[in-house]
Amino acid sequence: MHTDIHAFCRLGIVVSMAYPSCSNSEQDYHVSLKKLLVDPTFQVMEIGSLPFSSLYESAPAMIKSAHCDCTYSGHSLLFAKKLNINSLDEEERVQAVQTLKKGIDEAYAMGAEEFQFLSRGYEKGKEASYLDALIASTNELCAYAKSKGSMPVVLEVFDHTIDKKSLLGPSSLVRQYAEAVCPAYDNFGIMIDCSHIPMIGESIDEAVEPIKQYIKHVHVGNTLISDPNHPSYGDYHPRFGYPGSENDTEYLAAFLQKMKDIGYLTEGGKNILSFEVKPQAGEDADLVVANAKRTLQDAWRRVQ
């Protein structure tokens, strides 16, 4: 495509992934966030539970001042407490739901336009039971978010067997899940990430076609799964073209083509397309962000 991709979506970036040093201090967070906010490439900052309490006022103020939008990821809330939103232990499931409800409160307070979460672990052979638990939890979260306003709730699809080992997961399970939740809640949707697709072992078509009508948010990134002994193995989002990794310009172009074909990327559209990229050991975060922007430009030129 020769038309600027900004005419087809809003570009975003996961702040703490692009600049891991932002968790070191309040000053580091401000510096990292400002680097992204002064770059007109980005219209959406993807944040979450913040590492310092003072940031709950300053970070949203910075984002608003830059005329940017933000979303809120609840992933770290579950990771920090090792909670499973689809646990078969009802006490743990309820605790996970309550934790994410507090995240929804934070998201509203920060002016976020969307709340994100993920499914967690499962026991092989019991996927149906874990799926029922996840559906119950999601229904509660959607109802809670709707009672507070109009904020959408989206579940991000992760890997099933490699790193996060999340229930969702394979597109067949994602479709069952979405078909159960969406009829009751119009504020629900699915997030996909092209870095997770190779980890699930699906092609782009296999991952997208069964759930295309439910996709409400999209991440783009890379993964390395060729060597289990490599320090970047799994869900570490190396830069595009990282040695031994799966995704580079050609793969990204094919993924963007699919997003355009299904109508997620459409001229005049405002859907979010966000980078999730992370500097690996010894790498410069600024250069990794530049890599992402440059790769996107090159890939977009190949889209018809």
Protein backbone atom coordinates (compact mmCIF):
# COMPACT_ATOMS: atom_id res chain seq x y z
CA MET A 1 0.00 0.00 0.00
CA HIS A 2 1.25 3.49 -0.87
CA THR A 3 -1.24 5.20 1.44
CA ASP A 4 0.08 5.89 4.95
CA ILE A 5 -0.98 3.11 7.32
CA HIS A 6 -2.24 5.79 9.71
CA ALA A 7 -5.14 6.21 7.31
CA PHE A 8 -6.17 2.63 8.11
CA CYS A 9 -5.70 2.37 11.90
CA ARG A 10 -4.26 3.94 15.02
CA LEU A 11 -0.72 2.80 15.75
CA GLY A 12 0.21 1.97 19.33
CA ILE A 13 3.00 0.46 21.37
CA VAL A 14 3.31 -1.50 24.63
CA VAL A 15 5.31 0.97 26.73
CA SER A 16 6.86 -1.34 29.34
CA MET A 17 7.87 -3.88 26.71
CA ALA A 18 9.61 -1.35 24.46
CA TYR A 19 11.39 0.27 27.42
CA PRO A 20 11.84 -2.30 30.22
CA SER A 21 13.98 0.23 32.11
CA CYS A 22 10.85 2.29 32.75
CA SER A 23 10.18 0.19 35.85
CA ASN A 24 13.48 1.25 37.45
CA SER A 25 12.27 4.62 38.71
CA GLU A 26 9.60 7.26 38.24
CA GLN A 27 12.09 9.34 36.27
CA ASP A 28 12.91 6.43 33.96
CA TYR A 29 9.20 5.87 33.35
CA HIS A 30 8.64 9.54 32.49
CA VAL A 31 11.64 9.60 30.14
CA SER A 32 10.54 6.40 28.36
CA LEU A 33 6.93 7.47 28.04
CA LYS A 34 7.91 10.90 26.74
CA LYS A 35 10.14 9.35 24.04
CA LEU A 36 7.11 7.57 22.67
CA LEU A 37 4.66 10.43 23.14
CA VAL A 38 6.76 12.94 21.19
CA ASP A 39 6.89 10.52 18.25
CA PRO A 40 3.84 11.21 16.05
CA THR A 41 4.01 7.63 14.79
CA PHE A 42 2.14 6.52 17.90
CA GLN A 43 -1.43 7.42 18.75
CA VAL A 44 -2.02 4.83 21.48
CA MET A 45 0.06 4.04 24.56
CA GLU A 46 -0.55 0.55 25.94
CA ILE A 47 0.08 0.60 29.67
CA GLY A 48 -1.16 -1.30 32.71
CA SER A 49 -0.62 -1.47 36.44
CA LEU A 50 2.04 1.19 36.99
CA PRO A 51 5.24 0.56 39.01
CA PHE A 52 4.98 3.74 41.13
CA SER A 53 1.86 5.26 42.68
CA SER A 54 2.66 8.82 41.60
CA LEU A 55 2.48 7.71 37.96
CA TYR A 56 -1.27 7.22 38.20
CA GLU A 57 -1.63 10.99 37.92
CA SER A 58 1.42 11.97 35.88
CA ALA A 59 1.33 9.27 33.19
CA PRO A 60 -2.31 9.82 32.11
CA ALA A 61 -1.67 13.57 32.20
CA MET A 62 1.31 13.18 29.86
CA ILE A 63 -0.70 10.98 27.50
CA LYS A 64 -3.59 13.45 27.44
CA SER A 65 -1.23 16.40 26.92
CA ALA A 66 0.26 14.66 23.87
CA HIS A 67 -3.24 14.09 22.44
CA CYS A 68 -2.73 10.32 22.67
CA ASP A 69 -5.04 7.53 23.79
CA CYS A 70 -4.22 4.63 26.10
CA THR A 71 -5.30 1.09 26.85
CA TYR A 72 -4.86 -0.91 30.05
CA SER A 73 -3.39 -4.42 30.25
CA GLY A 74 -4.39 -6.48 33.27
CA HIS A 75 -1.89 -9.26 32.47
CA SER A 76 0.63 -8.27 35.14
CA LEU A 77 -2.07 -8.30 37.82
CA LEU A 78 -2.51 -12.03 37.28
CA PHE A 79 1.21 -12.72 36.82
CA ALA A 80 2.18 -10.88 40.01
CA LYS A 81 -0.18 -12.89 42.20
CA LYS A 82 0.11 -16.10 40.14
CA LEU A 83 -3.65 -16.17 39.70
CA ASN A 84 -5.60 -18.21 37.18
CA ILE A 85 -8.73 -16.59 35.77
CA ASN A 86 -9.85 -19.99 34.46
CA SER A 87 -8.94 -21.99 37.56
CA LEU A 88 -11.10 -24.98 38.47
CA ASP A 89 -10.55 -23.98 42.09
CA GLU A 90 -13.50 -21.64 42.63
CA GLU A 91 -11.77 -19.67 45.37
CA GLU A 92 -8.80 -18.90 43.12
CA ARG A 93 -11.04 -18.09 40.16
CA VAL A 94 -13.04 -15.61 42.24
CA GLN A 95 -9.84 -14.02 43.56
CA ALA A 96 -8.57 -13.60 40.00
CA VAL A 97 -11.86 -11.99 38.94
CA GLN A 98 -11.77 -9.59 41.89
CA THR A 99 -8.18 -8.66 41.06
CA LEU A 100 -9.08 -7.86 37.46
CA LYS A 101 -12.12 -5.86 38.56
CA LYS A 102 -9.74 -3.63 40.52
CA GLY A 103 -7.76 -3.33 37.30
CA ILE A 104 -10.90 -2.23 35.47
CA ASP A 105 -11.39 0.44 38.14
CA GLU A 106 -7.81 1.62 37.56
CA ALA A 107 -8.33 1.62 33.80
CA TYR A 108 -11.40 3.84 34.10
CA ALA A 109 -9.61 6.17 36.54
CA MET A 110 -6.68 6.52 34.12
CA GLY A 111 -8.94 7.29 31.17
CA ALA A 112 -8.04 4.09 29.31
CA GLU A 113 -10.29 3.17 26.41
CA GLU A 114 -9.95 -0.61 26.76
CA PHE A 115 -9.18 -3.31 29.35
CA GLN A 116 -7.16 -6.38 28.39
CA PHE A 117 -6.54 -9.72 30.07
CA LEU A 118 -5.46 -13.26 29.19
CA SER A 119 -6.37 -16.85 29.96
CA ARG A 120 -4.03 -18.84 32.17
CA GLY A 121 -2.89 -22.43 32.64
CA TYR A 122 -4.84 -25.64 32.21
CA GLU A 123 -4.49 -29.41 32.57
CA LYS A 124 -4.35 -31.36 29.35
CA GLY A 125 -7.55 -33.31 28.83
CA LYS A 126 -9.62 -30.90 30.93
CA GLU A 127 -9.75 -28.03 28.45
CA ALA A 128 -13.57 -28.02 28.35
CA SER A 129 -13.84 -27.50 32.10
CA TYR A 130 -11.24 -24.73 32.06
CA LEU A 131 -13.07 -23.11 29.16
CA ASP A 132 -16.31 -23.08 31.17
CA ALA A 133 -14.49 -21.40 34.05
CA LEU A 134 -13.00 -18.81 31.70
CA ILE A 135 -16.40 -18.05 30.19
CA ALA A 136 -17.87 -17.55 33.67
CA SER A 137 -15.04 -15.19 34.64
CA THR A 138 -15.29 -13.24 31.39
CA ASN A 139 -19.01 -12.76 31.80
CA GLU A 140 -18.39 -11.26 35.24
CA LEU A 141 -15.69 -8.93 33.93
CA CYS A 142 -17.79 -7.75 31.00
CA ALA A 143 -20.78 -7.10 33.23
CA TYR A 144 -18.62 -5.19 35.70
CA ALA A 145 -16.98 -3.06 33.01
CA LYS A 146 -20.39 -2.32 31.49
CA SER A 147 -21.77 -1.24 34.87
CA LYS A 148 -19.05 1.43 35.06
CA GLY A 149 -19.29 2.78 31.51
CA SER A 150 -18.61 1.77 27.94
CA MET A 151 -15.08 0.33 28.18
CA PRO A 152 -14.51 -2.77 26.01
CA VAL A 153 -12.94 -5.89 27.54
CA VAL A 154 -10.65 -7.96 25.32
CA LEU A 155 -8.87 -11.26 25.84
CA GLU A 156 -5.44 -11.63 24.27
CA VAL A 157 -4.67 -14.98 22.64
CA PHE A 158 -1.32 -16.38 23.86
CA ASP A 159 0.72 -19.51 23.24
CA HIS A 160 -0.72 -22.83 24.40
CA THR A 161 2.30 -25.06 25.08
CA ILE A 162 5.58 -23.09 24.96
CA ASP A 163 5.89 -20.16 27.37
CA LYS A 164 2.75 -18.68 28.94
CA LYS A 165 0.98 -22.00 28.21
CA SER A 166 -2.42 -20.33 28.21
CA LEU A 167 -5.69 -22.11 27.60
CA LEU A 168 -6.33 -19.71 24.67
CA GLY A 169 -4.57 -20.75 22.67
CA PRO A 170 -5.69 -22.51 19.53
CA SER A 171 -8.22 -20.77 17.31
CA SER A 172 -10.73 -23.62 17.69
CA LEU A 173 -10.92 -22.99 21.44
CA VAL A 174 -10.91 -19.22 20.95
CA ARG A 175 -13.90 -19.52 18.64
CA GLN A 176 -15.86 -21.64 21.15
CA TYR A 177 -15.09 -19.09 23.82
CA ALA A 178 -16.04 -16.03 21.76
CA GLU A 179 -19.25 -17.68 20.56
CA ALA A 180 -20.25 -18.21 24.20
CA VAL A 181 -19.48 -14.69 25.43
CA CYS A 182 -20.27 -12.33 22.54
CA PRO A 183 -24.04 -12.89 22.29
CA ALA A 184 -24.47 -11.63 25.85
CA TYR A 185 -21.86 -8.85 25.90
CA ASP A 186 -21.33 -6.36 23.12
CA ASN A 187 -18.35 -4.88 24.99
CA PHE A 188 -16.22 -8.01 24.50
CA GLY A 189 -13.69 -8.97 21.87
CA ILE A 190 -10.49 -10.87 21.05
CA MET A 191 -6.94 -9.57 20.69
CA ILE A 192 -4.48 -11.42 18.49
CA ASP A 193 -0.71 -10.99 18.26
CA CYS A 194 1.20 -12.15 15.19
CA SER A 195 4.12 -13.11 17.43
CA HIS A 196 1.96 -15.70 19.19
CA ILE A 197 0.69 -17.38 16.02
CA PRO A 198 3.93 -19.34 15.29
CA MET A 199 4.04 -20.44 18.93
CA ILE A 200 0.56 -21.91 18.63
CA GLY A 201 1.67 -23.73 15.47
CA GLU A 202 -0.97 -22.23 13.23
CA SER A 203 -0.72 -20.39 9.93
CA ILE A 204 -2.03 -16.84 9.71
CA ASP A 205 -5.19 -18.08 7.98
CA GLU A 206 -5.71 -20.86 10.54
CA ALA A 207 -5.36 -18.41 13.42
CA VAL A 208 -7.49 -15.63 11.99
CA GLU A 209 -10.30 -17.07 9.84
CA PRO A 210 -12.24 -18.89 12.61
CA ILE A 211 -12.35 -15.79 14.82
CA LYS A 212 -12.15 -12.89 12.38
CA GLN A 213 -15.52 -11.42 13.38
CA TYR A 214 -14.45 -11.24 17.03
CA ILE A 215 -11.07 -9.51 16.60
CA LYS A 216 -11.11 -6.10 18.32
CA HIS A 217 -7.40 -5.43 18.89
CA VAL A 218 -4.17 -6.46 17.16
CA HIS A 219 -0.53 -6.64 18.24
CA VAL A 220 2.42 -7.15 15.94
CA GLY A 221 5.77 -8.55 17.00
CA ASN A 222 8.20 -11.42 16.74
CA THR A 223 9.15 -14.64 18.54
CA LEU A 224 12.03 -17.10 18.67
CA ILE A 225 11.04 -20.75 19.00
CA SER A 226 13.75 -22.52 17.00
CA ASP A 227 16.05 -23.13 19.98
CA PRO A 228 14.62 -23.94 23.45
CA ASN A 229 18.03 -23.20 24.98
CA HIS A 230 18.22 -19.68 23.60
CA PRO A 231 17.71 -16.92 26.22
CA SER A 232 15.10 -15.28 23.95
CA TYR A 233 13.10 -18.50 23.47
CA GLY A 234 9.36 -18.07 23.88
CA ASP A 235 7.32 -14.94 24.53
CA TYR A 236 10.15 -12.39 24.63
CA HIS A 237 9.20 -10.32 21.58
CA PRO A 238 12.60 -9.77 19.96
CA ARG A 239 12.94 -7.21 17.21
CA PHE A 240 11.85 -8.14 13.69
CA GLY A 241 14.53 -10.11 11.89
CA TYR A 242 16.28 -11.18 15.10
CA PRO A 243 18.66 -14.10 14.32
CA GLY A 244 16.82 -17.44 14.49
CA SER A 245 13.42 -15.81 14.96
CA GLU A 246 10.17 -16.38 13.08
CA ASN A 247 8.87 -13.00 11.90
CA ASP A 248 10.36 -10.38 9.63
CA THR A 249 9.11 -8.08 6.88
CA GLU A 250 7.59 -10.79 4.68
CA TYR A 251 5.63 -12.39 7.54
CA LEU A 252 4.44 -9.02 8.80
CA ALA A 253 3.31 -8.08 5.29
CA ALA A 254 1.28 -11.30 5.04
CA PHE A 255 -0.29 -10.64 8.43
CA LEU A 256 -1.16 -7.04 7.55
CA GLN A 257 -2.64 -8.24 4.26
CA LYS A 258 -4.87 -10.60 6.21
CA MET A 259 -5.94 -7.82 8.58
CA LYS A 260 -6.84 -5.68 5.57
CA ASP A 261 -8.66 -8.55 3.85
CA ILE A 262 -10.90 -9.20 6.86
CA GLY A 263 -11.67 -5.49 7.25
CA TYR A 264 -9.75 -4.87 10.45
CA LEU A 265 -7.51 -2.42 8.59
CA THR A 266 -9.76 -0.26 6.48
CA GLU A 267 -9.34 3.22 5.03
CA GLY A 268 -10.63 5.73 7.55
CA GLY A 269 -10.62 3.06 10.26
CA LYS A 270 -9.62 3.67 13.89
CA ASN A 271 -8.85 0.13 15.06
CA ILE A 272 -5.63 -0.25 17.06
CA LEU A 273 -2.50 -1.90 15.66
CA SER A 274 0.20 -1.95 18.33
CA PHE A 275 3.82 -3.00 18.48
CA GLU A 276 4.91 -5.40 21.18
CA VAL A 277 8.69 -5.43 20.83
CA LYS A 278 11.41 -5.73 23.45
CA PRO A 279 15.18 -5.14 23.40
CA GLN A 280 17.08 -8.35 24.04
CA ALA A 281 20.28 -8.56 26.08
CA GLY A 282 22.71 -5.81 25.09
CA GLU A 283 20.31 -4.09 22.69
CA ASP A 284 19.33 -0.43 22.60
CA ALA A 285 15.60 0.15 23.13
CA ASP A 286 15.50 3.18 20.80
CA LEU A 287 16.95 1.11 17.96
CA VAL A 288 14.45 -1.70 18.56
CA VAL A 289 11.56 0.78 18.33
CA ALA A 290 13.08 2.21 15.14
CA ASN A 291 13.35 -1.35 13.77
CA ALA A 292 9.64 -1.87 14.41
CA LYS A 293 8.59 1.32 12.65
CA ARG A 294 10.87 0.70 9.69
CA THR A 295 9.74 -2.92 9.31
CA LEU A 296 6.10 -1.85 9.42
CA GLN A 297 6.68 0.71 6.67
CA ASP A 298 8.42 -1.86 4.49
CA ALA A 299 5.75 -4.49 5.11
CA TRP A 300 2.88 -2.07 4.45
CA ARG A 301 4.28 -1.22 1.02
CA ARG A 302 3.76 -4.88 0.06
CA VAL A 303 0.08 -4.95 1.05
CA GLN A 304 -2.34 -4.77 -1.85
